[in-house]
Amino acid sequence: MSKKKNVHVVPHKSGGWATKSSGSSRAGSVHSTQKEAIKQARNQAIRERSEVVIHRKNGQIRDKDSYGNDPHPPKDTKF
Protein backbone atom coordinates (compact mmCIF):
# COMPACT_ATOMS: atom_id res chain seq x y z
CA MET A 1 0.00 0.00 0.00
CA SER A 2 1.36 3.44 -0.90
CA LYS A 3 1.85 6.09 1.75
CA LYS A 4 -0.61 8.98 1.53
CA LYS A 5 0.98 12.35 0.84
CA ASN A 6 -0.08 15.32 2.93
CA VAL A 7 -1.18 18.47 1.11
CA HIS A 8 0.54 21.62 2.38
CA VAL A 9 -0.73 25.20 2.00
CA VAL A 10 2.40 27.35 1.85
CA PRO A 11 3.35 30.92 0.93
CA HIS A 12 4.33 31.21 -2.75
CA LYS A 13 7.16 33.35 -4.11
CA SER A 14 4.63 35.30 -6.21
CA GLY A 15 3.09 36.70 -3.03
CA GLY A 16 0.12 34.33 -3.12
CA TRP A 17 -0.41 30.88 -1.63
CA ALA A 18 0.32 27.46 -3.08
CA THR A 19 -0.72 23.87 -2.50
CA LYS A 20 2.09 21.32 -2.49
CA SER A 21 2.11 17.57 -1.90
CA SER A 22 4.67 16.25 0.59
CA GLY A 23 7.97 15.55 -1.11
CA SER A 24 7.15 17.66 -4.15
CA SER A 25 9.40 20.51 -5.18
CA ARG A 26 6.75 22.20 -7.34
CA ALA A 27 3.44 23.78 -6.41
CA GLY A 28 0.31 21.89 -7.41
CA SER A 29 -1.69 25.09 -7.68
CA VAL A 30 -1.17 28.79 -6.88
CA HIS A 31 -3.87 31.08 -5.47
CA SER A 32 -4.11 34.76 -4.60
CA THR A 33 -5.48 34.11 -1.09
CA GLN A 34 -4.80 31.53 1.59
CA LYS A 35 -8.54 30.82 1.80
CA GLU A 36 -8.65 29.75 -1.87
CA ALA A 37 -5.56 27.57 -1.41
CA ILE A 38 -7.06 25.89 1.66
CA LYS A 39 -10.26 25.12 -0.26
CA GLN A 40 -8.25 23.50 -3.08
CA ALA A 41 -6.06 21.57 -0.62
CA ARG A 42 -9.13 20.33 1.26
CA ASN A 43 -10.72 19.03 -1.96
CA GLN A 44 -7.48 17.26 -2.89
CA ALA A 45 -7.10 15.75 0.60
CA ILE A 46 -10.68 14.44 0.54
CA ARG A 47 -10.03 12.78 -2.85
CA GLU A 48 -6.73 11.30 -1.69
CA ARG A 49 -7.87 10.59 1.89
CA SER A 50 -4.89 12.47 3.32
CA GLU A 51 -4.15 15.44 5.58
CA VAL A 52 -4.03 19.21 4.97
CA VAL A 53 -1.21 21.10 6.68
CA ILE A 54 -1.69 24.88 6.70
CA HIS A 55 1.38 27.09 7.17
CA ARG A 56 1.72 30.72 8.22
CA LYS A 57 3.60 33.29 6.10
CA ASN A 58 6.76 32.57 8.12
CA GLY A 59 6.48 28.84 7.32
CA GLN A 60 5.35 27.77 10.80
CA ILE A 61 2.50 25.23 10.88
CA ARG A 62 -0.77 26.95 11.75
CA ASP A 63 -3.24 24.06 11.57
CA LYS A 64 -3.80 20.48 10.37
CA ASP A 65 -6.94 18.68 9.24
CA SER A 66 -7.19 14.98 8.45
CA TYR A 67 -9.53 13.70 5.74
CA GLY A 68 -8.40 10.10 5.72
CA ASN A 69 -9.01 7.08 7.87
CA ASP A 70 -7.41 8.46 11.03
CA PRO A 71 -6.98 5.72 13.66
CA HIS A 72 -6.61 8.40 16.38
CA PRO A 73 -9.03 11.20 15.50
CA PRO A 74 -8.66 14.49 17.39
CA LYS A 75 -11.05 15.22 20.20
CA ASP A 76 -11.55 18.86 19.22
CA THR A 77 -14.87 20.08 17.90
CA LYS A 78 -13.49 22.77 15.61
CA PHE A 79 -15.44 21.52 12.59
PDB file of N, CA and C in Angstrom:
ATOM      1  N   MET A   1       0.844  -1.174   0.000  1.00  0.00           N
ATOM      2  CA  MET A   1       0.000   0.000   0.000  1.00  0.00           C
ATOM      3  C   MET A   1       0.890   1.238   0.000  1.00  0.00           C
ATOM      4  N   SER A   2       0.554   2.227  -0.818  1.00  0.00           N
ATOM      5  CA  SER A   2       1.361   3.437  -0.899  1.00  0.00           C
ATOM      6  C   SER A   2       1.027   4.377   0.253  1.00  0.00           C
ATOM      7  N   LYS A   3       2.034   5.131   0.668  1.00  0.00           N
ATOM      8  CA  LYS A   3       1.852   6.090   1.747  1.00  0.00           C
ATOM      9  C   LYS A   3       1.121   7.319   1.202  1.00  0.00           C
ATOM     10  N   LYS A   4       0.152   7.799   1.932  1.00  0.00           N
ATOM     11  CA  LYS A   4      -0.606   8.977   1.533  1.00  0.00           C
ATOM     12  C   LYS A   4       0.265  10.219   1.717  1.00  0.00           C
ATOM     13  N   LYS A   5       0.204  11.123   0.757  1.00  0.00           N
ATOM     14  CA  LYS A   5       0.984  12.354   0.835  1.00  0.00           C
ATOM     15  C   LYS A   5       0.117  13.478   1.370  1.00  0.00           C
ATOM     16  N   ASN A   6       0.621  14.171   2.385  1.00  0.00           N
ATOM     17  CA  ASN A   6      -0.080  15.320   2.926  1.00  0.00           C
ATOM     18  C   ASN A   6      -0.078  16.447   1.903  1.00  0.00           C
ATOM     19  N   VAL A   7      -1.087  17.299   1.982  1.00  0.00           N
ATOM     20  CA  VAL A   7      -1.184  18.467   1.107  1.00  0.00           C
ATOM     21  C   VAL A   7      -0.902  19.694   1.974  1.00  0.00           C
ATOM     22  N   HIS A   8       0.128  20.447   1.610  1.00  0.00           N
ATOM     23  CA  HIS A   8       0.537  21.623   2.380  1.00  0.00           C
ATOM     24  C   HIS A   8       0.059  22.891   1.688  1.00  0.00           C
ATOM     25  N   VAL A   9      -0.392  23.858   2.485  1.00  0.00           N
ATOM     26  CA  VAL A   9      -0.732  25.199   1.995  1.00  0.00           C
ATOM     27  C   VAL A   9       0.399  26.093   2.478  1.00  0.00           C
ATOM     28  N   VAL A  10       1.184  26.610   1.519  1.00  0.00           N
ATOM     29  CA  VAL A  10       2.404  27.353   1.848  1.00  0.00           C
ATOM     30  C   VAL A  10       2.434  28.690   1.109  1.00  0.00           C
ATOM     31  N   PRO A  11       3.181  29.659   1.656  1.00  0.00           N
ATOM     32  CA  PRO A  11       3.347  30.919   0.930  1.00  0.00           C
ATOM     33  C   PRO A  11       4.089  30.677  -0.379  1.00  0.00           C
ATOM     34  N   HIS A  12       3.698  31.371  -1.439  1.00  0.00           N
ATOM     35  CA  HIS A  12       4.333  31.215  -2.752  1.00  0.00           C
ATOM     36  C   HIS A  12       5.190  32.441  -3.039  1.00  0.00           C
ATOM     37  N   LYS A  13       6.241  32.248  -3.800  1.00  0.00           N
ATOM     38  CA  LYS A  13       7.163  33.349  -4.107  1.00  0.00           C
ATOM     39  C   LYS A  13       6.499  34.503  -4.849  1.00  0.00           C
ATOM     40  N   SER A  14       5.348  34.244  -5.479  1.00  0.00           N
ATOM     41  CA  SER A  14       4.634  35.299  -6.214  1.00  0.00           C
ATOM     42  C   SER A  14       3.860  36.231  -5.279  1.00  0.00           C
ATOM     43  N   GLY A  15       3.851  35.897  -3.993  1.00  0.00           N
ATOM     44  CA  GLY A  15       3.095  36.696  -3.031  1.00  0.00           C
ATOM     45  C   GLY A  15       1.766  36.064  -2.678  1.00  0.00           C
ATOM     46  N   GLY A  16       1.370  35.031  -3.400  1.00  0.00           N
ATOM     47  CA  GLY A  16       0.124  34.329  -3.117  1.00  0.00           C
ATOM     48  C   GLY A  16       0.375  33.106  -2.244  1.00  0.00           C
ATOM     49  N   TRP A  17      -0.486  32.124  -2.401  1.00  0.00           N
ATOM     50  CA  TRP A  17      -0.406  30.884  -1.628  1.00  0.00           C
ATOM     51  C   TRP A  17      -0.450  29.702  -2.584  1.00  0.00           C
ATOM     52  N   ALA A  18       0.248  28.632  -2.223  1.00  0.00           N
ATOM     53  CA  ALA A  18       0.324  27.457  -3.081  1.00  0.00           C
ATOM     54  C   ALA A  18      -0.052  26.200  -2.319  1.00  0.00           C
ATOM     55  N   THR A  19      -0.517  25.196  -3.057  1.00  0.00           N
ATOM     56  CA  THR A  19      -0.724  23.865  -2.497  1.00  0.00           C
ATOM     57  C   THR A  19       0.414  22.996  -3.018  1.00  0.00           C
ATOM     58  N   LYS A  20       0.997  22.204  -2.117  1.00  0.00           N
ATOM     59  CA  LYS A  20       2.090  21.317  -2.495  1.00  0.00           C
ATOM     60  C   LYS A  20       1.897  19.974  -1.795  1.00  0.00           C
ATOM     61  N   SER A  21       2.135  18.890  -2.506  1.00  0.00           N
ATOM     62  CA  SER A  21       2.112  17.566  -1.899  1.00  0.00           C
ATOM     63  C   SER A  21       3.442  17.330  -1.205  1.00  0.00           C
ATOM     64  N   SER A  22       3.435  16.571  -0.116  1.00  0.00           N
ATOM     65  CA  SER A  22       4.665  16.246   0.594  1.00  0.00           C
ATOM     66  C   SER A  22       5.673  15.631  -0.363  1.00  0.00           C
ATOM     67  N   GLY A  23       6.907  16.088  -0.276  1.00  0.00           N
ATOM     68  CA  GLY A  23       7.968  15.548  -1.107  1.00  0.00           C
ATOM     69  C   GLY A  23       8.071  16.170  -2.485  1.00  0.00           C
ATOM     70  N   SER A  24       7.142  17.018  -2.838  1.00  0.00           N
ATOM     71  CA  SER A  24       7.146  17.657  -4.154  1.00  0.00           C
ATOM     72  C   SER A  24       7.914  18.977  -4.095  1.00  0.00           C
ATOM     73  N   SER A  25       8.674  19.252  -5.143  1.00  0.00           N
ATOM     74  CA  SER A  25       9.402  20.514  -5.177  1.00  0.00           C
ATOM     75  C   SER A  25       8.602  21.609  -5.877  1.00  0.00           C
ATOM     76  N   ARG A  26       7.555  21.227  -6.597  1.00  0.00           N
ATOM     77  CA  ARG A  26       6.748  22.196  -7.343  1.00  0.00           C
ATOM     78  C   ARG A  26       5.362  22.339  -6.721  1.00  0.00           C
ATOM     79  N   ALA A  27       4.795  23.521  -6.903  1.00  0.00           N
ATOM     80  CA  ALA A  27       3.441  23.782  -6.410  1.00  0.00           C
ATOM     81  C   ALA A  27       2.426  23.072  -7.286  1.00  0.00           C
ATOM     82  N   GLY A  28       1.402  22.517  -6.653  1.00  0.00           N
ATOM     83  CA  GLY A  28       0.315  21.894  -7.408  1.00  0.00           C
ATOM     84  C   GLY A  28      -0.610  22.938  -7.994  1.00  0.00           C
ATOM     85  N   SER A  29      -0.869  23.981  -7.216  1.00  0.00           N
ATOM     86  CA  SER A  29      -1.691  25.093  -7.682  1.00  0.00           C
ATOM     87  C   SER A  29      -1.304  26.339  -6.900  1.00  0.00           C
ATOM     88  N   VAL A  30      -1.511  27.504  -7.510  1.00  0.00           N
ATOM     89  CA  VAL A  30      -1.173  28.789  -6.882  1.00  0.00           C
ATOM     90  C   VAL A  30      -2.440  29.639  -6.833  1.00  0.00           C
ATOM     91  N   HIS A  31      -2.659  30.298  -5.689  1.00  0.00           N
ATOM     92  CA  HIS A  31      -3.874  31.083  -5.466  1.00  0.00           C
ATOM     93  C   HIS A  31      -3.506  32.446  -4.900  1.00  0.00           C
ATOM     94  N   SER A  32      -4.385  33.414  -5.089  1.00  0.00           N
ATOM     95  CA  SER A  32      -4.105  34.758  -4.600  1.00  0.00           C
ATOM     96  C   SER A  32      -4.349  34.885  -3.098  1.00  0.00           C
ATOM     97  N   THR A  33      -5.218  34.046  -2.526  1.00  0.00           N
ATOM     98  CA  THR A  33      -5.482  34.107  -1.087  1.00  0.00           C
ATOM     99  C   THR A  33      -5.266  32.740  -0.441  1.00  0.00           C
ATOM    100  N   GLN A  34      -4.988  32.778   0.854  1.00  0.00           N
ATOM    101  CA  GLN A  34      -4.804  31.530   1.593  1.00  0.00           C
ATOM    102  C   GLN A  34      -6.122  30.755   1.649  1.00  0.00           C
ATOM    103  N   LYS A  35      -7.224  31.466   1.739  1.00  0.00           N
ATOM    104  CA  LYS A  35      -8.537  30.820   1.805  1.00  0.00           C
ATOM    105  C   LYS A  35      -8.805  29.978   0.561  1.00  0.00           C
ATOM    106  N   GLU A  36      -8.465  30.506  -0.620  1.00  0.00           N
ATOM    107  CA  GLU A  36      -8.647  29.752  -1.868  1.00  0.00           C
ATOM    108  C   GLU A  36      -7.740  28.521  -1.898  1.00  0.00           C
ATOM    109  N   ALA A  37      -6.506  28.685  -1.437  1.00  0.00           N
ATOM    110  CA  ALA A  37      -5.555  27.568  -1.414  1.00  0.00           C
ATOM    111  C   ALA A  37      -6.017  26.476  -0.452  1.00  0.00           C
ATOM    112  N   ILE A  38      -6.561  26.870   0.693  1.00  0.00           N
ATOM    113  CA  ILE A  38      -7.064  25.886   1.662  1.00  0.00           C
ATOM    114  C   ILE A  38      -8.227  25.109   1.068  1.00  0.00           C
ATOM    115  N   LYS A  39      -9.112  25.792   0.373  1.00  0.00           N
ATOM    116  CA  LYS A  39     -10.257  25.122  -0.257  1.00  0.00           C
ATOM    117  C   LYS A  39      -9.776  24.069  -1.260  1.00  0.00           C
ATOM    118  N   GLN A  40      -8.805  24.433  -2.100  1.00  0.00           N
ATOM    119  CA  GLN A  40      -8.253  23.496  -3.080  1.00  0.00           C
ATOM    120  C   GLN A  40      -7.559  22.320  -2.383  1.00  0.00           C
ATOM    121  N   ALA A  41      -6.770  22.619  -1.352  1.00  0.00           N
ATOM    122  CA  ALA A  41      -6.057  21.572  -0.621  1.00  0.00           C
ATOM    123  C   ALA A  41      -7.039  20.615   0.052  1.00  0.00           C
ATOM    124  N   ARG A  42      -8.110  21.163   0.604  1.00  0.00           N
ATOM    125  CA  ARG A  42      -9.128  20.332   1.261  1.00  0.00           C
ATOM    126  C   ARG A  42      -9.768  19.382   0.254  1.00  0.00           C
ATOM    127  N   ASN A  43     -10.124  19.889  -0.927  1.00  0.00           N
ATOM    128  CA  ASN A  43     -10.718  19.029  -1.958  1.00  0.00           C
ATOM    129  C   ASN A  43      -9.759  17.918  -2.367  1.00  0.00           C
ATOM    130  N   GLN A  44      -8.485  18.253  -2.518  1.00  0.00           N
ATOM    131  CA  GLN A  44      -7.484  17.261  -2.887  1.00  0.00           C
ATOM    132  C   GLN A  44      -7.310  16.226  -1.774  1.00  0.00           C
ATOM    133  N   ALA A  45      -7.267  16.673  -0.529  1.00  0.00           N
ATOM    134  CA  ALA A  45      -7.098  15.755   0.604  1.00  0.00           C
ATOM    135  C   ALA A  45      -8.300  14.819   0.750  1.00  0.00           C
ATOM    136  N   ILE A  46      -9.485  15.298   0.472  1.00  0.00           N
ATOM    137  CA  ILE A  46     -10.676  14.444   0.535  1.00  0.00           C
ATOM    138  C   ILE A  46     -10.578  13.365  -0.533  1.00  0.00           C
ATOM    139  N   ARG A  47     -10.182  13.758  -1.762  1.00  0.00           N
ATOM    140  CA  ARG A  47     -10.030  12.780  -2.852  1.00  0.00           C
ATOM    141  C   ARG A  47      -8.971  11.733  -2.527  1.00  0.00           C
ATOM    142  N   GLU A  48      -7.862  12.185  -1.946  1.00  0.00           N
ATOM    143  CA  GLU A  48      -6.727  11.304  -1.690  1.00  0.00           C
ATOM    144  C   GLU A  48      -6.743  10.700  -0.289  1.00  0.00           C
ATOM    145  N   ARG A  49      -7.745  11.076   0.514  1.00  0.00           N
ATOM    146  CA  ARG A  49      -7.873  10.587   1.885  1.00  0.00           C
ATOM    147  C   ARG A  49      -6.572  10.828   2.658  1.00  0.00           C
ATOM    148  N   SER A  50      -6.142  12.108   2.665  1.00  0.00           N
ATOM    149  CA  SER A  50      -4.892  12.474   3.324  1.00  0.00           C
ATOM    150  C   SER A  50      -5.118  13.644   4.276  1.00  0.00           C
ATOM    151  N   GLU A  51      -4.073  14.359   4.601  1.00  0.00           N
ATOM    152  CA  GLU A  51      -4.150  15.439   5.577  1.00  0.00           C
ATOM    153  C   GLU A  51      -3.747  16.772   4.948  1.00  0.00           C
ATOM    154  N   VAL A  52      -4.392  17.851   5.392  1.00  0.00           N
ATOM    155  CA  VAL A  52      -4.035  19.205   4.972  1.00  0.00           C
ATOM    156  C   VAL A  52      -3.217  19.831   6.095  1.00  0.00           C
ATOM    157  N   VAL A  53      -2.065  20.402   5.731  1.00  0.00           N
ATOM    158  CA  VAL A  53      -1.206  21.095   6.684  1.00  0.00           C
ATOM    159  C   VAL A  53      -1.130  22.556   6.229  1.00  0.00           C
ATOM    160  N   ILE A  54      -1.637  23.459   7.049  1.00  0.00           N
ATOM    161  CA  ILE A  54      -1.691  24.880   6.705  1.00  0.00           C
ATOM    162  C   ILE A  54      -0.552  25.607   7.416  1.00  0.00           C
ATOM    163  N   HIS A  55       0.240  26.354   6.634  1.00  0.00           N
ATOM    164  CA  HIS A  55       1.382  27.086   7.166  1.00  0.00           C
ATOM    165  C   HIS A  55       1.079  28.576   7.243  1.00  0.00           C
ATOM    166  N   ARG A  56       1.784  29.264   8.134  1.00  0.00           N
ATOM    167  CA  ARG A  56       1.720  30.725   8.215  1.00  0.00           C
ATOM    168  C   ARG A  56       2.688  31.312   7.191  1.00  0.00           C
ATOM    169  N   LYS A  57       2.677  32.637   7.043  1.00  0.00           N
ATOM    170  CA  LYS A  57       3.602  33.294   6.103  1.00  0.00           C
ATOM    171  C   LYS A  57       5.056  33.023   6.431  1.00  0.00           C
ATOM    172  N   ASN A  58       5.377  32.824   7.720  1.00  0.00           N
ATOM    173  CA  ASN A  58       6.758  32.570   8.122  1.00  0.00           C
ATOM    174  C   ASN A  58       7.136  31.086   7.997  1.00  0.00           C
ATOM    175  N   GLY A  59       6.212  30.255   7.515  1.00  0.00           N
ATOM    176  CA  GLY A  59       6.481  28.837   7.316  1.00  0.00           C
ATOM    177  C   GLY A  59       6.069  27.953   8.482  1.00  0.00           C
ATOM    178  N   GLN A  60       5.771  28.528   9.620  1.00  0.00           N
ATOM    179  CA  GLN A  60       5.352  27.774  10.798  1.00  0.00           C
ATOM    180  C   GLN A  60       3.990  27.127  10.547  1.00  0.00           C
ATOM    181  N   ILE A  61       3.788  25.920  11.052  1.00  0.00           N
ATOM    182  CA  ILE A  61       2.500  25.232  10.877  1.00  0.00           C
ATOM    183  C   ILE A  61       1.442  25.923  11.729  1.00  0.00           C
ATOM    184  N   ARG A  62       0.341  26.276  11.089  1.00  0.00           N
ATOM    185  CA  ARG A  62      -0.774  26.954  11.749  1.00  0.00           C
ATOM    186  C   ARG A  62      -1.849  25.972  12.174  1.00  0.00           C
ATOM    187  N   ASP A  63      -2.126  24.978  11.311  1.00  0.00           N
ATOM    188  CA  ASP A  63      -3.242  24.065  11.571  1.00  0.00           C
ATOM    189  C   ASP A  63      -3.092  22.811  10.725  1.00  0.00           C
ATOM    190  N   LYS A  64      -3.770  21.740  11.127  1.00  0.00           N
ATOM    191  CA  LYS A  64      -3.801  20.484  10.371  1.00  0.00           C
ATOM    192  C   LYS A  64      -5.223  19.944  10.413  1.00  0.00           C
ATOM    193  N   ASP A  65      -5.635  19.347   9.304  1.00  0.00           N
ATOM    194  CA  ASP A  65      -6.938  18.685   9.241  1.00  0.00           C
ATOM    195  C   ASP A  65      -6.768  17.369   8.500  1.00  0.00           C
ATOM    196  N   SER A  66      -7.305  16.289   9.063  1.00  0.00           N
ATOM    197  CA  SER A  66      -7.189  14.980   8.449  1.00  0.00           C
ATOM    198  C   SER A  66      -8.489  14.611   7.745  1.00  0.00           C
ATOM    199  N   TYR A  67      -8.365  14.119   6.516  1.00  0.00           N
ATOM    200  CA  TYR A  67      -9.533  13.701   5.744  1.00  0.00           C
ATOM    201  C   TYR A  67      -9.424  12.244   5.340  1.00  0.00           C
ATOM    202  N   GLY A  68      -8.575  11.512   6.022  1.00  0.00           N
ATOM    203  CA  GLY A  68      -8.400  10.098   5.717  1.00  0.00           C
ATOM    204  C   GLY A  68      -8.982   9.250   6.824  1.00  0.00           C
ATOM    205  N   ASN A  69      -8.574   8.017   6.842  1.00  0.00           N
ATOM    206  CA  ASN A  69      -9.013   7.081   7.869  1.00  0.00           C
ATOM    207  C   ASN A  69      -8.055   7.210   9.034  1.00  0.00           C
ATOM    208  N   ASP A  70      -8.298   8.161   9.911  1.00  0.00           N
ATOM    209  CA  ASP A  70      -7.413   8.458  11.033  1.00  0.00           C
ATOM    210  C   ASP A  70      -7.708   7.507  12.191  1.00  0.00           C
ATOM    211  N   PRO A  71      -6.745   6.655  12.575  1.00  0.00           N
ATOM    212  CA  PRO A  71      -6.984   5.717  13.662  1.00  0.00           C
ATOM    213  C   PRO A  71      -7.076   6.407  15.025  1.00  0.00           C
ATOM    214  N   HIS A  72      -6.567   7.642  15.127  1.00  0.00           N
ATOM    215  CA  HIS A  72      -6.608   8.401  16.379  1.00  0.00           C
ATOM    216  C   HIS A  72      -7.168   9.795  16.097  1.00  0.00           C
ATOM    217  N   PRO A  73      -8.462   9.896  15.840  1.00  0.00           N
ATOM    218  CA  PRO A  73      -9.035  11.203  15.495  1.00  0.00           C
ATOM    219  C   PRO A  73      -8.914  12.191  16.651  1.00  0.00           C
ATOM    220  N   PRO A  74      -8.768  13.467  16.338  1.00  0.00           N
ATOM    221  CA  PRO A  74      -8.662  14.485  17.387  1.00  0.00           C
ATOM    222  C   PRO A  74      -9.976  14.616  18.149  1.00  0.00           C
ATOM    223  N   LYS A  75      -9.863  15.077  19.359  1.00  0.00           N
ATOM    224  CA  LYS A  75     -11.051  15.218  20.201  1.00  0.00           C
ATOM    225  C   LYS A  75     -11.635  16.628  20.122  1.00  0.00           C
ATOM    226  N   ASP A  76     -11.025  17.498  19.293  1.00  0.00           N
ATOM    227  CA  ASP A  76     -11.551  18.864  19.215  1.00  0.00           C
ATOM    228  C   ASP A  76     -12.843  18.893  18.404  1.00  0.00           C
ATOM    229  N   THR A  77     -13.584  19.941  18.594  1.00  0.00           N
ATOM    230  CA  THR A  77     -14.873  20.083  17.903  1.00  0.00           C
ATOM    231  C   THR A  77     -14.844  21.312  17.017  1.00  0.00           C
ATOM    232  N   LYS A  78     -13.682  21.594  16.446  1.00  0.00           N
ATOM    233  CA  LYS A  78     -13.491  22.766  15.615  1.00  0.00           C
ATOM    234  C   LYS A  78     -14.423  22.760  14.399  1.00  0.00           C
ATOM    235  N   PHE A  79     -14.596  21.601  13.773  1.00  0.00           N
ATOM    236  CA  PHE A  79     -15.436  21.517  12.586  1.00  0.00           C
ATOM    237  C   PHE A  79     -16.569  20.570  12.785  1.00  0.00           C
TER     238      PHE A  79
END
